[in-house]
C-alpha atoms as a PDB file:
ATOM      1  CA  MET A   1      92.477  76.483  83.363  1.00  0.00           C
ATOM      2  CA  MET A   2      92.173  79.425  86.434  1.00  0.00           C
ATOM      3  CA  VAL A   3      92.178  76.499  88.835  1.00  0.00           C
ATOM      4  CA  LYS A   4      95.166  75.437  87.411  1.00  0.00           C
ATOM      5  CA  TYR A   5      97.408  78.469  86.547  1.00  0.00           C
ATOM      6  CA  THR A   6      95.938  79.707  89.969  1.00  0.00           C
ATOM      7  CA  THR A   7      97.443  76.787  91.932  1.00  0.00           C
ATOM      8  CA  GLY A   8     100.131  76.787  89.419  1.00  0.00           C
ATOM      9  CA  ALA A   9     101.295  80.509  90.806  1.00  0.00           C
ATOM     10  CA  SER A  10     100.403  79.642  94.632  1.00  0.00           C
ATOM     11  CA  ALA A  11     103.125  76.171  93.969  1.00  0.00           C
ATOM     12  CA  LEU A  12     105.976  78.981  92.134  1.00  0.00           C
ATOM     13  CA  ALA A  13     105.278  81.606  95.387  1.00  0.00           C
ATOM     14  CA  LEU A  14     106.370  78.738  97.912  1.00  0.00           C
ATOM     15  CA  ALA A  15     108.856  77.692  95.427  1.00  0.00           C
ATOM     16  CA  LEU A  16     110.280  81.146  95.413  1.00  0.00           C
ATOM     17  CA  THR A  17     109.930  81.924  99.547  1.00  0.00           C
ATOM     18  CA  LEU A  18     111.295  78.447 100.580  1.00  0.00           C
ATOM     19  CA  PRO A  19     114.974  79.515  99.326  1.00  0.00           C
ATOM     20  CA  LEU A  20     115.141  82.261 101.608  1.00  0.00           C
ATOM     21  CA  ILE A  21     115.711  79.784 104.891  1.00  0.00           C
ATOM     22  CA  SER A  22     118.957  78.115 103.311  1.00  0.00           C
ATOM     23  CA  HIS A  23     120.108  81.897 102.489  1.00  0.00           C
ATOM     24  CA  ALA A  24     119.021  84.063 105.543  1.00  0.00           C
ATOM     25  CA  GLY A  25     120.768  85.461 108.179  1.00  0.00           C
ATOM     26  CA  TRP A  26     123.860  87.070 106.138  1.00  0.00           C
ATOM     27  CA  ASP A  27     124.326  90.568 103.835  1.00  0.00           C
ATOM     28  CA  TRP A  28     122.909  89.311 100.701  1.00  0.00           C
ATOM     29  CA  GLN A  29     120.448  90.037  98.077  1.00  0.00           C
ATOM     30  CA  HIS A  30     117.858  87.834  97.903  1.00  0.00           C
ATOM     31  CA  PRO A  31     116.071  87.310  93.972  1.00  0.00           C
ATOM     32  CA  LEU A  32     113.217  88.685  94.531  1.00  0.00           C
ATOM     33  CA  ASP A  33     114.201  91.841  95.812  1.00  0.00           C
ATOM     34  CA  PRO A  34     114.499  93.483  93.032  1.00  0.00           C
ATOM     35  CA  VAL A  35     111.035  91.827  91.719  1.00  0.00           C
ATOM     36  CA  ASN A  36     109.474  92.402  95.233  1.00  0.00           C
ATOM     37  CA  LYS A  37     110.483  96.533  94.231  1.00  0.00           C
ATOM     38  CA  ALA A  38     108.600  96.717  91.123  1.00  0.00           C
ATOM     39  CA  ALA A  39     105.503  94.204  92.816  1.00  0.00           C
ATOM     40  CA  GLU A  40     104.673  96.930  95.031  1.00  0.00           C
ATOM     41  CA  GLN A  41     104.017  99.203  92.828  1.00  0.00           C
ATOM     42  CA  ILE A  42     101.442  96.488  91.195  1.00  0.00           C
ATOM     43  CA  ALA A  43     100.363  94.571  94.009  1.00  0.00           C
ATOM     44  CA  PRO A  44     101.405  95.900  97.600  1.00  0.00           C
ATOM     45  CA  GLY A  45     100.197  93.833  99.227  1.00  0.00           C
ATOM     46  CA  PRO A  46     101.613  90.529  98.168  1.00  0.00           C
ATOM     47  CA  ALA A  47     104.873  92.131  97.989  1.00  0.00           C
ATOM     48  CA  LYS A  48     105.317  93.446 101.428  1.00  0.00           C
ATOM     49  CA  ALA A  49     104.295  89.730 102.986  1.00  0.00           C
ATOM     50  CA  ILE A  50     107.349  88.564 100.692  1.00  0.00           C
ATOM     51  CA  GLN A  51     109.408  90.427 101.999  1.00  0.00           C
ATOM     52  CA  ASN A  52     107.748  90.325 105.446  1.00  0.00           C
ATOM     53  CA  ALA A  53     108.829  86.773 105.238  1.00  0.00           C
ATOM     54  CA  VAL A  54     112.317  87.580 103.984  1.00  0.00           C
ATOM     55  CA  ASP A  55     112.681  89.388 106.858  1.00  0.00           C
ATOM     56  CA  GLN A  56     111.829  87.014 109.106  1.00  0.00           C
ATOM     57  CA  THR A  57     113.938  84.267 107.940  1.00  0.00           C
ATOM     58  CA  LYS A  58     116.928  86.475 108.165  1.00  0.00           C
ATOM     59  CA  ASN A  59     116.486  86.825 111.735  1.00  0.00           C
ATOM     60  CA  ALA A  60     115.383  83.410 112.260  1.00  0.00           C
ATOM     61  CA  ALA A  61     118.437  81.957 110.891  1.00  0.00           C
ATOM     62  CA  THR A  62     120.445  84.499 113.125  1.00  0.00           C
ATOM     63  CA  ALA A  63     118.788  83.610 116.016  1.00  0.00           C
ATOM     64  CA  PRO A  64     120.380  80.539 118.031  1.00  0.00           C
ATOM     65  CA  ALA A  65     123.498  82.351 117.508  1.00  0.00           C
ATOM     66  CA  LYS A  66     122.651  85.332 119.305  1.00  0.00           C
ATOM     67  CA  ALA A  67     120.588  83.525 121.978  1.00  0.00           C
ATOM     68  CA  ALA A  68     123.746  82.148 122.525  1.00  0.00           C
ATOM     69  CA  VAL A  69     125.997  85.172 122.968  1.00  0.00           C
ATOM     70  CA  ASP A  70     123.367  86.304 124.663  1.00  0.00           C
ATOM     71  CA  ILE A  71     123.729  83.528 127.332  1.00  0.00           C
ATOM     72  CA  ALA A  72     127.382  83.373 126.649  1.00  0.00           C
ATOM     73  CA  THR A  73     128.106  87.235 128.356  1.00  0.00           C
ATOM     74  CA  GLY A  74     125.080  87.608 130.646  1.00  0.00           C
ATOM     75  CA  LYS A  75     123.207  89.688 128.988  1.00  0.00           C
ATOM     76  CA  LYS A  76     119.958  87.456 129.565  1.00  0.00           C
ATOM     77  CA  PRO A  77     119.199  84.217 131.516  1.00  0.00           C
ATOM     78  CA  ALA A  78     119.224  81.033 129.195  1.00  0.00           C
ATOM     79  CA  ASP A  79     115.801  80.497 129.572  1.00  0.00           C
ATOM     80  CA  LYS A  80     114.732  83.838 128.034  1.00  0.00           C
ATOM     81  CA  ALA A  81     117.172  83.926 125.446  1.00  0.00           C
ATOM     82  CA  VAL A  82     116.085  80.128 124.202  1.00  0.00           C
ATOM     83  CA  THR A  83     112.559  81.322 124.692  1.00  0.00           C
ATOM     84  CA  GLU A  84     113.376  84.463 121.669  1.00  0.00           C
ATOM     85  CA  ALA A  85     115.263  81.939 119.738  1.00  0.00           C
ATOM     86  CA  VAL A  86     112.349  79.955 118.959  1.00  0.00           C
ATOM     87  CA  GLN A  87     109.408  82.296 118.692  1.00  0.00           C
ATOM     88  CA  GLN A  88     111.838  83.776 115.951  1.00  0.00           C
ATOM     89  CA  GLN A  89     111.398  80.395 114.368  1.00  0.00           C
ATOM     90  CA  GLY A  90     107.680  80.622 114.484  1.00  0.00           C
ATOM     91  CA  THR A  91     107.144  84.068 113.162  1.00  0.00           C
ATOM     92  CA  ALA A  92     109.289  82.517 110.280  1.00  0.00           C
ATOM     93  CA  ILE A  93     106.880  80.147 109.460  1.00  0.00           C
ATOM     94  CA  SER A  94     103.926  81.947 109.843  1.00  0.00           C
ATOM     95  CA  ALA A  95     105.282  85.272 107.811  1.00  0.00           C
ATOM     96  CA  THR A  96     106.247  82.525 104.806  1.00  0.00           C
ATOM     97  CA  ALA A  97     103.020  80.695 105.123  1.00  0.00           C
ATOM     98  CA  ASN A  98     101.506  84.241 104.771  1.00  0.00           C
ATOM     99  CA  ALA A  99     103.336  84.961 102.043  1.00  0.00           C
ATOM    100  CA  VAL A 100     102.350  82.197 100.224  1.00  0.00           C
ATOM    101  CA  SER A 101      98.249  82.760 100.501  1.00  0.00           C
ATOM    102  CA  ALA A 102      98.623  86.645 100.075  1.00  0.00           C
ATOM    103  CA  THR A 103     100.488  86.062  96.489  1.00  0.00           C
ATOM    104  CA  HIS A 104      98.318  83.176  95.701  1.00  0.00           C
ATOM    105  CA  ASN A 105      95.130  85.465  96.620  1.00  0.00           C
ATOM    106  CA  GLU A 106      96.169  88.502  94.378  1.00  0.00           C
ATOM    107  CA  VAL A 107      96.314  85.810  91.426  1.00  0.00           C
ATOM    108  CA  THR A 108      93.217  85.218  92.509  1.00  0.00           C
ATOM    109  CA  ARG A 109      91.508  88.474  92.670  1.00  0.00           C
ATOM    110  CA  LEU A 110      93.041  89.648  89.273  1.00  0.00           C
ATOM    111  CA  GLU A 111      91.001  86.952  87.601  1.00  0.00           C
ATOM    112  CA  THR A 112      88.358  87.197  88.886  1.00  0.00           C
ATOM    113  CA  SER A 113      88.133  91.036  88.271  1.00  0.00           C
ATOM    114  CA  ALA A 114      88.977  90.263  84.467  1.00  0.00           C
ATOM    115  CA  ALA A 115      86.154  88.242  84.674  1.00  0.00           C
ATOM    116  CA  GLY A 116      84.033  90.818  85.908  1.00  0.00           C
ATOM    117  CA  ALA A 117      85.045  93.624  83.393  1.00  0.00           C
ATOM    118  CA  VAL A 118      84.081  90.922  80.477  1.00  0.00           C
ATOM    119  CA  ALA A 119      81.345  89.302  81.890  1.00  0.00           C
ATOM    120  CA  GLY A 120      80.053  90.930  84.347  1.00  0.00           C
ATOM    121  CA  ASN A 121      78.634  90.062  88.424  1.00  0.00           C
ATOM    122  CA  ALA A 122      78.176  86.370  86.512  1.00  0.00           C
ATOM    123  CA  GLY A 123      81.504  86.239  85.197  1.00  0.00           C
ATOM    124  CA  ALA A 124      83.071  87.012  88.171  1.00  0.00           C
ATOM    125  CA  THR A 125      81.140  84.673  90.344  1.00  0.00           C
ATOM    126  CA  ILE A 126      81.899  81.771  87.752  1.00  0.00           C
ATOM    127  CA  ALA A 127      85.488  82.967  87.814  1.00  0.00           C
ATOM    128  CA  ALA A 128      85.476  82.941  91.710  1.00  0.00           C
ATOM    129  CA  GLU A 129      83.422  79.556  92.131  1.00  0.00           C
ATOM    130  CA  LEU A 130      86.677  77.982  89.160  1.00  0.00           C
ATOM    131  CA  ASN A 131      89.043  79.194  91.728  1.00  0.00           C
ATOM    132  CA  ARG A 132      87.636  77.430  94.601  1.00  0.00           C
ATOM    133  CA  PRO A 133      88.825  74.246  95.586  1.00  0.00           C
ATOM    134  CA  GLY A 134      92.397  75.340  94.910  1.00  0.00           C
ATOM    135  CA  SER A 135      91.735  78.632  96.731  1.00  0.00           C
ATOM    136  CA  LEU A 136      90.116  76.988  99.951  1.00  0.00           C
ATOM    137  CA  ALA A 137      93.669  74.435  99.700  1.00  0.00           C
ATOM    138  CA  VAL A 138      95.967  76.544  99.692  1.00  0.00           C
ATOM    139  CA  ASN A 139      94.069  79.012 102.255  1.00  0.00           C
ATOM    140  CA  THR A 140      93.654  76.207 104.859  1.00  0.00           C
ATOM    141  CA  THR A 141      96.881  75.229 104.404  1.00  0.00           C
ATOM    142  CA  ALA A 142      98.363  78.262 104.837  1.00  0.00           C
ATOM    143  CA  SER A 143      96.691  78.769 107.113  1.00  0.00           C
ATOM    144  CA  SER A 144      97.072  75.668 109.474  1.00  0.00           C
ATOM    145  CA  VAL A 145     101.072  76.262 109.117  1.00  0.00           C
ATOM    146  CA  ALA A 146     100.572  79.933 110.106  1.00  0.00           C
ATOM    147  CA  GLY A 147      98.933  78.466 113.311  1.00  0.00           C
ATOM    148  CA  ILE A 148     101.618  76.357 114.026  1.00  0.00           C
ATOM    149  CA  GLY A 149     103.781  79.224 113.030  1.00  0.00           C
ATOM    150  CA  ASP A 150     101.956  81.589 115.261  1.00  0.00           C
ATOM    151  CA  ALA A 151     101.790  79.096 118.385  1.00  0.00           C
ATOM    152  CA  ILE A 152     105.074  78.865 118.204  1.00  0.00           C
ATOM    153  CA  ALA A 153     105.819  82.501 118.024  1.00  0.00           C
ATOM    154  CA  HIS A 154     103.464  83.922 120.679  1.00  0.00           C
ATOM    155  CA  GLY A 155     103.469  80.659 123.567  1.00  0.00           C
ATOM    156  CA  ASP A 156     100.048  79.762 123.073  1.00  0.00           C
ATOM    157  CA  GLY A 157      98.723  77.052 121.600  1.00  0.00           C
ATOM    158  CA  SER A 158      94.937  78.319 120.844  1.00  0.00           C
ATOM    159  CA  TYR A 159      96.086  79.458 117.058  1.00  0.00           C
ATOM    160  CA  LEU A 160      96.004  75.902 116.016  1.00  0.00           C
ATOM    161  CA  LEU A 161      92.117  76.380 117.736  1.00  0.00           C
ATOM    162  CA  SER A 162      91.731  79.061 115.292  1.00  0.00           C
ATOM    163  CA  ALA A 163      94.103  77.437 112.556  1.00  0.00           C
ATOM    164  CA  HIS A 164      90.545  76.473 110.685  1.00  0.00           C
ATOM    165  CA  LEU A 165      88.298  79.772 111.032  1.00  0.00           C
ATOM    166  CA  ALA A 166      91.300  81.816 109.716  1.00  0.00           C
ATOM    167  CA  GLY A 167      91.576  79.193 106.399  1.00  0.00           C
ATOM    168  CA  ALA A 168      88.065  79.738 106.007  1.00  0.00           C
ATOM    169  CA  LEU A 169      87.933  83.409 106.258  1.00  0.00           C
ATOM    170  CA  ARG A 170      91.015  83.900 104.110  1.00  0.00           C
ATOM    171  CA  ASP A 171      89.465  81.632 101.347  1.00  0.00           C
ATOM    172  CA  ALA A 172      86.223  83.902 101.793  1.00  0.00           C
ATOM    173  CA  HIS A 173      88.354  87.208 101.025  1.00  0.00           C
ATOM    174  CA  ALA A 174      90.529  85.720  98.322  1.00  0.00           C
ATOM    175  CA  LYS A 175      86.701  84.862  97.040  1.00  0.00           C
ATOM    176  CA  TYR A 176      84.854  88.046  97.237  1.00  0.00           C
ATOM    177  CA  ASP A 177      87.667  90.095  96.922  1.00  0.00           C
ATOM    178  CA  GLY A 178      87.266  90.646  93.213  1.00  0.00           C
ATOM    179  CA  MET A 179      83.542  91.416  93.347  1.00  0.00           C
ATOM    180  CA  ALA A 180      83.588  93.744  96.450  1.00  0.00           C
ATOM    181  CA  LYS A 181      82.000  97.242  95.879  1.00  0.00           C
ATOM    182  CA  PRO A 182      83.097 100.405  98.132  1.00  0.00           C
ATOM    183  CA  LEU A 183      80.487 101.478 100.437  1.00  0.00           C
ATOM    184  CA  PRO A 184      77.313 103.120  98.859  1.00  0.00           C
ATOM    185  CA  THR A 185      77.294 106.960  99.074  1.00  0.00           C
ATOM    186  CA  ASP A 186      74.904 107.325 101.204  1.00  0.00           C
ATOM    187  CA  VAL A 187      75.249 104.790 103.502  1.00  0.00           C
ATOM    188  CA  LYS A 188      78.655 106.137 104.273  1.00  0.00           C
ATOM    189  CA  THR A 189      76.867 110.206 105.019  1.00  0.00           C
ATOM    190  CA  PHE A 190      74.968 107.841 108.080  1.00  0.00           C
ATOM    191  CA  LEU A 191      77.999 106.071 108.893  1.00  0.00           C
ATOM    192  CA  SER A 192      80.490 109.244 108.956  1.00  0.00           C
ATOM    193  CA  LYS A 193      78.764 109.506 112.621  1.00  0.00           C
ATOM    194  CA  VAL A 194      80.232 106.508 114.284  1.00  0.00           C
ATOM    195  CA  HIS A 195      83.123 105.658 111.846  1.00  0.00           C
ATOM    196  CA  SER A 196      85.772 107.785 110.412  1.00  0.00           C
ATOM    197  CA  ALA A 197      86.218 108.475 106.716  1.00  0.00           C
ATOM    198  CA  ASP A 198      89.270 106.261 106.813  1.00  0.00           C
ATOM    199  CA  THR A 199      87.522 102.927 107.526  1.00  0.00           C
ATOM    200  CA  LEU A 200      84.542 104.184 105.326  1.00  0.00           C
ATOM    201  CA  ALA A 201      86.970 104.200 102.840  1.00  0.00           C
ATOM    202  CA  ARG A 202      88.189 100.877 103.283  1.00  0.00           C
ATOM    203  CA  ALA A 203      85.704  98.524 103.837  1.00  0.00           C
ATOM    204  CA  ARG A 204      84.327  96.979 101.029  1.00  0.00           C
ATOM    205  CA  TYR A 205      80.744  94.942 100.813  1.00  0.00           C
ATOM    206  CA  VAL A 206      79.237  92.095  98.534  1.00  0.00           C
ATOM    207  CA  GLU A 207      76.253  90.232  98.420  1.00  0.00           C
ATOM    208  CA  ALA A 208      76.556  86.920  97.875  1.00  0.00           C
ATOM    209  CA  GLY A 209      74.600  85.508  94.994  1.00  0.00           C
ATOM    210  CA  ILE A 210      74.763  82.082  96.084  1.00  0.00           C
ATOM    211  CA  PRO A 211      74.865  79.725  99.666  1.00  0.00           C
ATOM    212  CA  ASP A 212      78.170  80.053 101.032  1.00  0.00           C
ATOM    213  CA  ASP A 213      79.383  77.780 103.143  1.00  0.00           C
ATOM    214  CA  LEU A 214      81.074  79.854 105.154  1.00  0.00           C
ATOM    215  CA  LEU A 215      77.878  82.646 105.907  1.00  0.00           C
ATOM    216  CA  SER A 216      76.178  79.131 107.294  1.00  0.00           C
ATOM    217  CA  MET A 217      79.077  77.765 109.450  1.00  0.00           C
ATOM    218  CA  LEU A 218      79.850  81.247 111.048  1.00  0.00           C
ATOM    219  CA  ASP A 219      76.557  82.977 111.839  1.00  0.00           C
ATOM    220  CA  ARG A 220      74.045  80.867 112.434  1.00  0.00           C
ATOM    221  CA  GLY A 221      71.320  83.504 113.022  1.00  0.00           C
ATOM    222  CA  ASN A 222      73.370  86.517 114.086  1.00  0.00           C
ATOM    223  CA  VAL A 223      71.534  89.601 113.213  1.00  0.00           C
ATOM    224  CA  ALA A 224      68.495  87.572 112.318  1.00  0.00           C
ATOM    225  CA  ALA A 225      66.438  90.399 113.499  1.00  0.00           C
ATOM    226  CA  ASN A 226      67.473  92.268 110.298  1.00  0.00           C
ATOM    227  CA  GLY A 227      64.623  90.917 108.583  1.00  0.00           C
ATOM    228  CA  GLY A 228      66.317  87.643 108.482  1.00  0.00           C
ATOM    229  CA  GLY A 229      69.719  88.679 106.956  1.00  0.00           C
ATOM    230  CA  PHE A 230      72.994  87.879 108.192  1.00  0.00           C
ATOM    231  CA  ALA A 231      76.314  88.727 107.282  1.00  0.00           C
ATOM    232  CA  VAL A 232      80.188  87.580 107.665  1.00  0.00           C
ATOM    233  CA  VAL A 233      83.006  90.157 107.240  1.00  0.00           C
ATOM    234  CA  THR A 234      86.688  89.184 106.326  1.00  0.00           C
ATOM    235  CA  ASP A 235      88.809  91.814 106.416  1.00  0.00           C
ATOM    236  CA  ASP A 236      88.211  94.933 104.415  1.00  0.00           C
ATOM    237  CA  ILE A 237      85.323  92.630 103.137  1.00  0.00           C
ATOM    238  CA  ILE A 238      81.548  92.547 104.793  1.00  0.00           C
ATOM    239  CA  VAL A 239      79.543  89.616 103.013  1.00  0.00           C
ATOM    240  CA  PHE A 240      75.841  89.741 102.800  1.00  0.00           C
ATOM    241  CA  SER A 241      73.120  87.513 102.767  1.00  0.00           C
ATOM    242  CA  ARG A 242      71.217  90.660 101.353  1.00  0.00           C
ATOM    243  CA  VAL A 243      72.847  94.246 101.347  1.00  0.00           C
ATOM    244  CA  PRO A 244      71.093  96.121 103.806  1.00  0.00           C
ATOM    245  CA  GLY A 245      69.076  99.655 103.019  1.00  0.00           C
ATOM    246  CA  THR A 246      68.874 102.958 104.979  1.00  0.00           C
ATOM    247  CA  SER A 247      65.830 102.210 107.018  1.00  0.00           C
ATOM    248  CA  PRO A 248      67.286 102.936 110.536  1.00  0.00           C
ATOM    249  CA  SER A 249      67.586  99.272 111.537  1.00  0.00           C
ATOM    250  CA  ASP A 250      69.345  98.336 108.216  1.00  0.00           C
ATOM    251  CA  LEU A 251      71.910 101.913 109.025  1.00  0.00           C
ATOM    252  CA  SER A 252      71.967  99.835 112.848  1.00  0.00           C
ATOM    253  CA  TRP A 253      73.695  96.872 110.697  1.00  0.00           C
ATOM    254  CA  TRP A 254      76.286  98.436 108.508  1.00  0.00           C
ATOM    255  CA  ALA A 255      78.092 100.110 111.466  1.00  0.00           C
ATOM    256  CA  HIS A 256      77.795  96.610 113.236  1.00  0.00           C
ATOM    257  CA  GLU A 257      79.085  95.258 110.430  1.00  0.00           C
ATOM    258  CA  VAL A 258      81.771  97.840 109.567  1.00  0.00           C
ATOM    259  CA  THR A 259      82.941  97.521 113.093  1.00  0.00           C
ATOM    260  CA  HIS A 260      84.253  94.305 112.537  1.00  0.00           C
ATOM    261  CA  THR A 261      86.673  95.767 109.509  1.00  0.00           C
ATOM    262  CA  VAL A 262      88.216  98.077 112.184  1.00  0.00           C
ATOM    263  CA  GLN A 263      88.715  95.109 114.554  1.00  0.00           C
ATOM    264  CA  TYR A 264      90.707  93.310 112.015  1.00  0.00           C
ATOM    265  CA  LYS A 265      92.770  96.205 111.177  1.00  0.00           C
ATOM    266  CA  ARG A 266      93.209  96.926 115.122  1.00  0.00           C
ATOM    267  CA  LEU A 267      94.660  93.370 115.162  1.00  0.00           C
ATOM    268  CA  GLY A 268      96.840  93.061 111.995  1.00  0.00           C
ATOM    269  CA  SER A 269      95.826  90.603 110.133  1.00  0.00           C
ATOM    270  CA  ILE A 270      93.043  87.546 109.390  1.00  0.00           C
ATOM    271  CA  ASP A 271      95.239  85.048 111.590  1.00  0.00           C
ATOM    272  CA  ALA A 272      94.717  87.737 114.746  1.00  0.00           C
ATOM    273  CA  PHE A 273      90.746  88.422 114.595  1.00  0.00           C
ATOM    274  CA  ALA A 274      90.264  84.082 114.006  1.00  0.00           C
ATOM    275  CA  ASN A 275      92.411  83.601 117.248  1.00  0.00           C
ATOM    276  CA  ALA A 276      90.457  86.887 119.175  1.00  0.00           C
ATOM    277  CA  TYR A 277      87.075  85.344 118.050  1.00  0.00           C
ATOM    278  CA  THR A 278      87.438  81.904 119.001  1.00  0.00           C
ATOM    279  CA  LYS A 279      88.954  83.114 122.208  1.00  0.00           C
ATOM    280  CA  ASN A 280      85.751  85.669 122.757  1.00  0.00           C
ATOM    281  CA  GLY A 281      83.641  86.045 119.810  1.00  0.00           C
ATOM    282  CA  PRO A 282      81.030  87.642 122.209  1.00  0.00           C
ATOM    283  CA  ALA A 283      83.041  90.442 123.102  1.00  0.00           C
ATOM    284  CA  LEU A 284      84.249  91.270 119.801  1.00  0.00           C
ATOM    285  CA  GLU A 285      79.931  91.248 119.151  1.00  0.00           C
ATOM    286  CA  LYS A 286      78.974  93.037 121.859  1.00  0.00           C
ATOM    287  CA  GLU A 287      81.802  95.781 120.555  1.00  0.00           C
ATOM    288  CA  ALA A 288      80.042  95.823 116.897  1.00  0.00           C
ATOM    289  CA  ASP A 289      76.467  96.171 119.124  1.00  0.00           C
ATOM    290  CA  THR A 290      77.134  98.896 120.522  1.00  0.00           C
ATOM    291  CA  LYS A 291      78.357 100.894 117.521  1.00  0.00           C
ATOM    292  CA  GLY A 292      75.119  99.942 115.977  1.00  0.00           C
ATOM    293  CA  ASP A 293      73.440 101.058 118.998  1.00  0.00           C
ATOM    294  CA  GLU A 294      74.776 104.414 118.819  1.00  0.00           C
ATOM    295  CA  LEU A 295      73.795 104.983 115.488  1.00  0.00           C
ATOM    296  CA  ALA A 296      70.460 103.795 115.668  1.00  0.00           C
ATOM    297  CA  ARG A 297      70.454 106.259 119.057  1.00  0.00           C
ATOM    298  CA  MET A 298      71.422 108.968 116.491  1.00  0.00           C
ATOM    299  CA  LEU A 299      68.956 108.482 114.398  1.00  0.00           C
ATOM    300  CA  LEU A 300      66.083 108.162 116.628  1.00  0.00           C
ATOM    301  CA  ALA A 301      66.746 111.725 117.890  1.00  0.00           C
ATOM    302  CA  THR A 302      67.151 112.622 114.135  1.00  0.00           C
ATOM    303  CA  ARG A 303      63.722 111.713 113.961  1.00  0.00           C
END
């Protein structure tokens, strides 16, 4: 039942966002606008994603006419005007895919949270696993479509290469969103030496209680020095194979992983992080290592 409901919600989201294309470009009130205003109070993430899809499809609809005017008036060279019009189409495609994914994942989060409230961690885990097939399909498809849109919008084919990774990260976020917890208070105290209060308030963590394909696919022994432990970060959620403690090495590990949440926020989205990691993962890891080493030196100096 959960899989059916979640998949149905995603189909509904798709049905609601696709009409934007045919109506875009005029000064009208989309049927979703009143719903969106109410949804912002309950689930701001999907509401913002849907509104962005509305805005971008309106822009995409008017882009060809705007390009023609710019060319005719000599405001822009033809090649630049046409390129910008095409890029706007890509932005609209990506925004619509993101709206579908965000809406679906919010439903998954609510289901997992509800199951956890009733039956604890076991209930949340079961709910997440029941939703997994539908969630993986939605997020993989959404990321593939968004990858096409981003490749067009940025003129960068590497977004097509990073789409699979983005889909896996989206799926992991949907799976763990309803189970993730705020960072432990004692850990926050130590990490405040190298991370801001806003960063520590945003970051969450969860321990993967069952084998996870994403963990084995992405990490492959990274952070192996931490007692064989490893982690994967998806936006604001750190998924640990084992939860670190407060030993100096474990705190350094915490600092490393929290740095990845900072990178996601800086880059702006899961898809953008996946693209950056595909292009130059070692640079992102080096930044995280540097932050972990910085905390380790501070802890050593106070001993």
